[in-house]
Amino acid sequence: MDGKIEITQNMRVADARANITELISRVRLLRWIVVLQNRRTPMAALVPIELGEAAKKVGGADRAVEILSKHFPAETPGEED
C-alpha cells in the first residue's frame, strides 16, 4: 500500500448506517474517504485512521483544515471533486 488516500464516494447517512461494517472495511483497507450527506449536504466523513490521528496531532479538525488549505488553491464556485 502506497499510503495514497482517495475520495471515492459520497453516501447518504441512512445508506451508510445500513452498510457501516462494509464502509469501515473499505475505508481501512482501500483507503476510501466516505463523505456522509443528509439531503445532499455534507455532514461528516469516514476517513482512514492515519488521517484522523494526524488531525489529532495538529490540534484537531479545524487546525488540520487550516494547515491543508495553505497547500491547495481555493475552490472556485461550481468546482467539485
N, C-alpha and C. Protein backbone atom coordinates (compact mmCIF):
# COMPACT_ATOMS: atom_id res chain seq x y z
N MET A 1 0.85 -1.18 0.00
CA MET A 1 0.00 0.00 0.00
C MET A 1 0.89 1.23 0.00
N ASP A 2 0.61 2.17 -0.91
CA ASP A 2 1.46 3.35 -1.04
C ASP A 2 1.03 4.51 -0.17
N GLY A 3 -0.02 4.34 0.62
CA GLY A 3 -0.46 5.40 1.52
C GLY A 3 -1.33 6.44 0.84
N LYS A 4 -1.62 6.27 -0.46
CA LYS A 4 -2.45 7.23 -1.17
C LYS A 4 -3.89 7.15 -0.68
N ILE A 5 -4.47 8.31 -0.36
CA ILE A 5 -5.85 8.37 0.10
C ILE A 5 -6.67 9.03 -1.00
N GLU A 6 -7.76 8.41 -1.40
CA GLU A 6 -8.61 8.95 -2.44
C GLU A 6 -10.03 9.14 -1.92
N ILE A 7 -10.65 10.24 -2.32
CA ILE A 7 -12.07 10.42 -2.03
C ILE A 7 -12.80 9.67 -3.13
N THR A 8 -13.59 8.70 -2.72
CA THR A 8 -14.21 7.86 -3.74
C THR A 8 -15.72 7.79 -3.65
N GLN A 9 -16.31 8.28 -2.60
CA GLN A 9 -17.75 8.07 -2.50
C GLN A 9 -18.42 9.09 -1.60
N ASN A 10 -19.56 9.58 -2.06
CA ASN A 10 -20.49 10.34 -1.24
C ASN A 10 -21.64 9.39 -0.94
N MET A 11 -22.17 9.44 0.27
CA MET A 11 -23.22 8.50 0.64
C MET A 11 -24.20 9.15 1.61
N ARG A 12 -25.47 8.83 1.41
CA ARG A 12 -26.48 9.31 2.35
C ARG A 12 -26.24 8.66 3.71
N VAL A 13 -26.50 9.40 4.77
CA VAL A 13 -26.30 8.90 6.13
C VAL A 13 -27.10 7.61 6.34
N ALA A 14 -28.33 7.56 5.86
CA ALA A 14 -29.16 6.35 6.04
C ALA A 14 -28.54 5.14 5.35
N ASP A 15 -27.98 5.33 4.16
CA ASP A 15 -27.32 4.23 3.45
C ASP A 15 -26.05 3.79 4.18
N ALA A 16 -25.31 4.75 4.70
CA ALA A 16 -24.10 4.42 5.44
C ALA A 16 -24.44 3.62 6.69
N ARG A 17 -25.47 4.01 7.39
CA ARG A 17 -25.89 3.30 8.59
C ARG A 17 -26.20 1.84 8.27
N ALA A 18 -26.85 1.60 7.14
CA ALA A 18 -27.22 0.24 6.75
C ALA A 18 -26.02 -0.59 6.31
N ASN A 19 -24.92 0.07 5.94
CA ASN A 19 -23.75 -0.64 5.41
C ASN A 19 -22.47 -0.29 6.18
N ILE A 20 -22.58 0.05 7.44
CA ILE A 20 -21.43 0.59 8.17
C ILE A 20 -20.24 -0.37 8.24
N THR A 21 -20.49 -1.65 8.41
CA THR A 21 -19.37 -2.60 8.51
C THR A 21 -18.59 -2.64 7.20
N GLU A 22 -19.28 -2.68 6.09
CA GLU A 22 -18.63 -2.68 4.79
C GLU A 22 -17.87 -1.37 4.56
N LEU A 23 -18.48 -0.26 4.92
CA LEU A 23 -17.82 1.04 4.75
C LEU A 23 -16.54 1.13 5.56
N ILE A 24 -16.58 0.68 6.79
CA ILE A 24 -15.38 0.71 7.63
C ILE A 24 -14.28 -0.11 6.99
N SER A 25 -14.62 -1.26 6.46
CA SER A 25 -13.62 -2.10 5.79
C SER A 25 -13.02 -1.39 4.58
N ARG A 26 -13.86 -0.74 3.79
CA ARG A 26 -13.36 -0.03 2.61
C ARG A 26 -12.47 1.14 2.99
N VAL A 27 -12.86 1.86 4.03
CA VAL A 27 -12.03 2.98 4.49
C VAL A 27 -10.68 2.46 4.99
N ARG A 28 -10.71 1.39 5.77
CA ARG A 28 -9.48 0.84 6.34
C ARG A 28 -8.58 0.19 5.29
N LEU A 29 -9.16 -0.63 4.45
CA LEU A 29 -8.36 -1.43 3.51
C LEU A 29 -8.11 -0.74 2.17
N LEU A 30 -9.10 -0.03 1.65
CA LEU A 30 -8.98 0.58 0.33
C LEU A 30 -8.63 2.06 0.38
N ARG A 31 -8.55 2.60 1.62
CA ARG A 31 -8.13 3.99 1.84
C ARG A 31 -9.16 4.99 1.34
N TRP A 32 -10.44 4.59 1.33
CA TRP A 32 -11.51 5.48 0.90
C TRP A 32 -11.74 6.57 1.93
N ILE A 33 -12.23 7.69 1.45
CA ILE A 33 -12.84 8.70 2.31
C ILE A 33 -14.30 8.74 1.88
N VAL A 34 -15.20 8.49 2.81
CA VAL A 34 -16.63 8.46 2.51
C VAL A 34 -17.25 9.71 3.13
N VAL A 35 -17.80 10.56 2.28
CA VAL A 35 -18.46 11.77 2.74
C VAL A 35 -19.93 11.44 2.99
N LEU A 36 -20.36 11.61 4.22
CA LEU A 36 -21.74 11.32 4.60
C LEU A 36 -22.59 12.56 4.38
N GLN A 37 -23.71 12.39 3.68
CA GLN A 37 -24.55 13.51 3.32
C GLN A 37 -25.97 13.33 3.86
N ASN A 38 -26.59 14.45 4.17
CA ASN A 38 -28.00 14.49 4.53
C ASN A 38 -28.65 15.51 3.60
N ARG A 39 -29.54 15.04 2.74
CA ARG A 39 -30.18 15.90 1.74
C ARG A 39 -29.14 16.63 0.89
N ARG A 40 -28.14 15.88 0.47
CA ARG A 40 -27.05 16.36 -0.40
C ARG A 40 -26.12 17.37 0.27
N THR A 41 -26.26 17.54 1.57
CA THR A 41 -25.38 18.43 2.31
C THR A 41 -24.35 17.58 3.05
N PRO A 42 -23.06 17.80 2.80
CA PRO A 42 -22.03 17.03 3.52
C PRO A 42 -22.13 17.30 5.02
N MET A 43 -22.14 16.22 5.81
CA MET A 43 -22.28 16.33 7.26
C MET A 43 -21.03 15.89 8.00
N ALA A 44 -20.37 14.84 7.50
CA ALA A 44 -19.21 14.26 8.18
C ALA A 44 -18.50 13.35 7.17
N ALA A 45 -17.37 12.78 7.60
CA ALA A 45 -16.65 11.87 6.73
C ALA A 45 -16.06 10.72 7.53
N LEU A 46 -16.04 9.56 6.91
CA LEU A 46 -15.29 8.41 7.44
C LEU A 46 -13.94 8.46 6.75
N VAL A 47 -12.87 8.48 7.53
CA VAL A 47 -11.52 8.60 6.95
C VAL A 47 -10.60 7.53 7.52
N PRO A 48 -9.54 7.19 6.78
CA PRO A 48 -8.56 6.25 7.34
C PRO A 48 -8.01 6.78 8.67
N ILE A 49 -7.72 5.87 9.57
CA ILE A 49 -7.28 6.23 10.92
C ILE A 49 -6.06 7.14 10.91
N GLU A 50 -5.16 6.94 9.94
CA GLU A 50 -3.96 7.78 9.89
C GLU A 50 -4.30 9.25 9.69
N LEU A 51 -5.35 9.50 8.91
CA LEU A 51 -5.77 10.88 8.69
C LEU A 51 -6.40 11.46 9.96
N GLY A 52 -7.19 10.67 10.64
CA GLY A 52 -7.77 11.11 11.90
C GLY A 52 -6.71 11.36 12.97
N GLU A 53 -5.74 10.46 13.04
CA GLU A 53 -4.65 10.62 14.02
C GLU A 53 -3.80 11.86 13.71
N ALA A 54 -3.56 12.10 12.42
CA ALA A 54 -2.79 13.30 12.03
C ALA A 54 -3.54 14.57 12.43
N ALA A 55 -4.85 14.58 12.23
CA ALA A 55 -5.64 15.74 12.63
C ALA A 55 -5.56 15.96 14.14
N LYS A 56 -5.61 14.87 14.92
CA LYS A 56 -5.47 14.99 16.38
C LYS A 56 -4.12 15.58 16.75
N LYS A 57 -3.06 15.14 16.08
CA LYS A 57 -1.70 15.59 16.42
C LYS A 57 -1.51 17.08 16.19
N VAL A 58 -2.20 17.65 15.19
CA VAL A 58 -2.01 19.06 14.91
C VAL A 58 -3.00 19.95 15.65
N GLY A 59 -3.87 19.36 16.45
CA GLY A 59 -4.78 20.17 17.25
C GLY A 59 -6.24 20.05 16.88
N GLY A 60 -6.59 19.08 16.07
CA GLY A 60 -7.99 18.86 15.74
C GLY A 60 -8.31 19.16 14.29
N ALA A 61 -9.56 18.93 13.95
CA ALA A 61 -10.01 19.07 12.56
C ALA A 61 -9.85 20.49 12.04
N ASP A 62 -10.22 21.49 12.84
CA ASP A 62 -10.12 22.87 12.37
C ASP A 62 -8.68 23.25 12.05
N ARG A 63 -7.76 22.85 12.90
CA ARG A 63 -6.34 23.15 12.66
C ARG A 63 -5.83 22.39 11.45
N ALA A 64 -6.25 21.14 11.25
CA ALA A 64 -5.84 20.36 10.09
C ALA A 64 -6.32 21.02 8.80
N VAL A 65 -7.56 21.50 8.80
CA VAL A 65 -8.10 22.19 7.63
C VAL A 65 -7.29 23.46 7.35
N GLU A 66 -6.97 24.19 8.40
CA GLU A 66 -6.18 25.41 8.25
C GLU A 66 -4.83 25.11 7.61
N ILE A 67 -4.16 24.08 8.09
CA ILE A 67 -2.85 23.69 7.55
C ILE A 67 -2.97 23.25 6.10
N LEU A 68 -3.91 22.37 5.82
CA LEU A 68 -4.06 21.85 4.46
C LEU A 68 -4.49 22.91 3.47
N SER A 69 -5.32 23.85 3.90
CA SER A 69 -5.81 24.88 2.97
C SER A 69 -4.68 25.77 2.48
N LYS A 70 -3.60 25.85 3.20
CA LYS A 70 -2.44 26.64 2.77
C LYS A 70 -1.72 25.98 1.59
N HIS A 71 -1.96 24.69 1.38
CA HIS A 71 -1.25 23.94 0.35
C HIS A 71 -2.08 23.69 -0.90
N PHE A 72 -3.33 24.14 -0.91
CA PHE A 72 -4.22 23.92 -2.04
C PHE A 72 -4.92 25.23 -2.39
N PRO A 73 -5.10 25.50 -3.68
CA PRO A 73 -5.81 26.73 -4.05
C PRO A 73 -7.26 26.66 -3.62
N ALA A 74 -7.84 27.83 -3.39
CA ALA A 74 -9.25 27.89 -3.01
C ALA A 74 -10.10 27.38 -4.16
N GLU A 75 -11.22 26.72 -3.82
CA GLU A 75 -12.13 26.25 -4.85
C GLU A 75 -12.84 27.43 -5.48
N THR A 76 -13.08 27.31 -6.78
CA THR A 76 -13.86 28.34 -7.46
C THR A 76 -15.31 27.90 -7.43
N PRO A 77 -16.24 28.85 -7.44
CA PRO A 77 -17.66 28.48 -7.40
C PRO A 77 -18.02 27.49 -8.50
N GLY A 78 -18.78 26.47 -8.15
CA GLY A 78 -19.20 25.45 -9.10
C GLY A 78 -18.20 24.33 -9.29
N GLU A 79 -17.02 24.44 -8.69
CA GLU A 79 -16.00 23.41 -8.83
C GLU A 79 -16.29 22.28 -7.87
N GLU A 80 -16.20 21.04 -8.34
CA GLU A 80 -16.41 19.87 -7.49
C GLU A 80 -15.26 18.92 -7.66
N ASP A 81 -15.09 18.00 -6.67
CA ASP A 81 -14.04 17.00 -6.75
C ASP A 81 -14.29 15.99 -7.84
